[in-house]
C-alpha atoms as a PDB file:
ATOM      1  CA  MET A   1     -25.015  59.351 144.201  1.00  0.00           C
ATOM      2  CA  LEU A   2     -21.385  58.256 144.259  1.00  0.00           C
ATOM      3  CA  LEU A   3     -22.247  55.082 142.357  1.00  0.00           C
ATOM      4  CA  SER A   4     -24.064  57.062 139.656  1.00  0.00           C
ATOM      5  CA  ALA A   5     -21.085  59.371 139.229  1.00  0.00           C
ATOM      6  CA  ALA A   6     -18.759  56.376 138.969  1.00  0.00           C
ATOM      7  CA  VAL A   7     -20.939  54.793 136.282  1.00  0.00           C
ATOM      8  CA  VAL A   8     -21.033  58.010 134.260  1.00  0.00           C
ATOM      9  CA  LEU A   9     -17.279  58.593 134.534  1.00  0.00           C
ATOM     10  CA  GLY A  10     -16.540  54.944 133.772  1.00  0.00           C
ATOM     11  CA  SER A  11     -18.755  55.026 130.700  1.00  0.00           C
ATOM     12  CA  LEU A  12     -17.168  58.249 129.561  1.00  0.00           C
ATOM     13  CA  ALA A  13     -13.672  56.776 129.911  1.00  0.00           C
ATOM     14  CA  VAL A  14     -14.517  53.508 128.143  1.00  0.00           C
ATOM     15  CA  VAL A  15     -16.206  55.186 125.165  1.00  0.00           C
ATOM     16  CA  PHE A  16     -13.430  57.761 124.845  1.00  0.00           C
ATOM     17  CA  ALA A  17     -10.684  55.125 124.993  1.00  0.00           C
ATOM     18  CA  GLY A  18     -12.467  52.898 122.504  1.00  0.00           C
ATOM     19  CA  LEU A  19     -13.045  55.640 119.959  1.00  0.00           C
ATOM     20  CA  TRP A  20      -9.526  56.963 120.347  1.00  0.00           C
ATOM     21  CA  ALA A  21      -8.140  53.432 119.886  1.00  0.00           C
ATOM     22  CA  LEU A  22     -10.201  53.126 116.693  1.00  0.00           C
ATOM     23  CA  GLY A  23      -8.401  56.159 115.314  1.00  0.00           C
ATOM     24  CA  PHE A  24     -10.919  58.926 115.877  1.00  0.00           C
ATOM     25  CA  PRO A  25      -9.334  62.340 116.495  1.00  0.00           C
ATOM     26  CA  LEU A  26      -9.035  63.378 120.124  1.00  0.00           C
ATOM     27  CA  ALA A  27     -11.712  66.085 119.850  1.00  0.00           C
ATOM     28  CA  VAL A  28     -14.195  63.760 118.131  1.00  0.00           C
ATOM     29  CA  ALA A  29     -13.585  60.963 120.641  1.00  0.00           C
ATOM     30  CA  ALA A  30     -14.070  63.362 123.552  1.00  0.00           C
ATOM     31  CA  SER A  31     -17.239  64.832 122.027  1.00  0.00           C
ATOM     32  CA  LEU A  32     -18.794  61.454 121.290  1.00  0.00           C
ATOM     33  CA  ALA A  33     -17.840  60.182 124.737  1.00  0.00           C
ATOM     34  CA  ALA A  34     -19.572  63.169 126.319  1.00  0.00           C
ATOM     35  CA  ILE A  35     -22.661  62.563 124.212  1.00  0.00           C
ATOM     36  CA  SER A  36     -22.642  58.871 125.127  1.00  0.00           C
ATOM     37  CA  VAL A  37     -23.534  59.675 128.723  1.00  0.00           C
ATOM     38  CA  ALA A  38     -26.447  61.882 127.652  1.00  0.00           C
ATOM     39  CA  THR A  39     -29.913  60.640 128.507  1.00  0.00           C
ATOM     40  CA  ASP A  40     -31.977  62.126 125.678  1.00  0.00           C
ATOM     41  CA  PRO A  41     -31.489  60.330 122.334  1.00  0.00           C
ATOM     42  CA  ALA A  42     -34.234  62.402 120.710  1.00  0.00           C
ATOM     43  CA  ALA A  43     -32.236  65.609 121.142  1.00  0.00           C
ATOM     44  CA  VAL A  44     -29.128  64.099 119.562  1.00  0.00           C
ATOM     45  CA  SER A  45     -31.145  62.640 116.694  1.00  0.00           C
ATOM     46  CA  GLU A  46     -32.835  65.983 116.053  1.00  0.00           C
ATOM     47  CA  ALA A  47     -29.514  67.832 116.095  1.00  0.00           C
ATOM     48  CA  ILE A  48     -28.081  65.436 113.516  1.00  0.00           C
ATOM     49  CA  ASP A  49     -31.197  65.742 111.341  1.00  0.00           C
ATOM     50  CA  GLU A  50     -30.981  69.541 111.435  1.00  0.00           C
ATOM     51  CA  SER A  51     -27.276  69.517 110.570  1.00  0.00           C
ATOM     52  CA  GLY A  52     -27.904  67.363 107.502  1.00  0.00           C
ATOM     53  CA  GLN A  53     -24.812  65.278 108.210  1.00  0.00           C
ATOM     54  CA  THR A  54     -24.982  61.627 107.141  1.00  0.00           C
ATOM     55  CA  ASN A  55     -21.321  60.730 107.504  1.00  0.00           C
ATOM     56  CA  LEU A  56     -19.672  58.056 109.656  1.00  0.00           C
ATOM     57  CA  ASN A  57     -19.411  60.329 112.684  1.00  0.00           C
ATOM     58  CA  SER A  58     -23.172  60.935 112.667  1.00  0.00           C
ATOM     59  CA  ARG A  59     -23.935  57.232 112.413  1.00  0.00           C
ATOM     60  CA  VAL A  60     -21.479  56.400 115.206  1.00  0.00           C
ATOM     61  CA  MET A  61     -22.987  59.111 117.388  1.00  0.00           C
ATOM     62  CA  LEU A  62     -26.502  57.745 116.857  1.00  0.00           C
ATOM     63  CA  GLY A  63     -25.265  54.237 117.616  1.00  0.00           C
ATOM     64  CA  ILE A  64     -23.646  55.344 120.864  1.00  0.00           C
ATOM     65  CA  VAL A  65     -26.775  57.161 121.966  1.00  0.00           C
ATOM     66  CA  ALA A  66     -28.957  54.182 121.044  1.00  0.00           C
ATOM     67  CA  ILE A  67     -26.793  51.783 123.041  1.00  0.00           C
ATOM     68  CA  ASP A  68     -26.742  54.178 125.972  1.00  0.00           C
ATOM     69  CA  ASP A  69     -30.523  54.458 125.862  1.00  0.00           C
ATOM     70  CA  ALA A  70     -30.899  50.669 125.698  1.00  0.00           C
ATOM     71  CA  TRP A  71     -28.715  50.207 128.784  1.00  0.00           C
ATOM     72  CA  GLY A  72     -30.912  52.679 130.568  1.00  0.00           C
END
């Protein structure tokens, strides 16, 4: 249990720091970092499809979720 929590918090911190270093606003970096530790890529994909957004933030979000799903 402790190891799982450490992995989630570590992933959250790394994604947040990386996005913030790339120049994403604080709120966007925090939101995408929180989504990156999610375990259901279908829900994120559906939410983006329903919003109709096709901008860079949507593509980055889908990429983060896809990588997270690939890592398992």
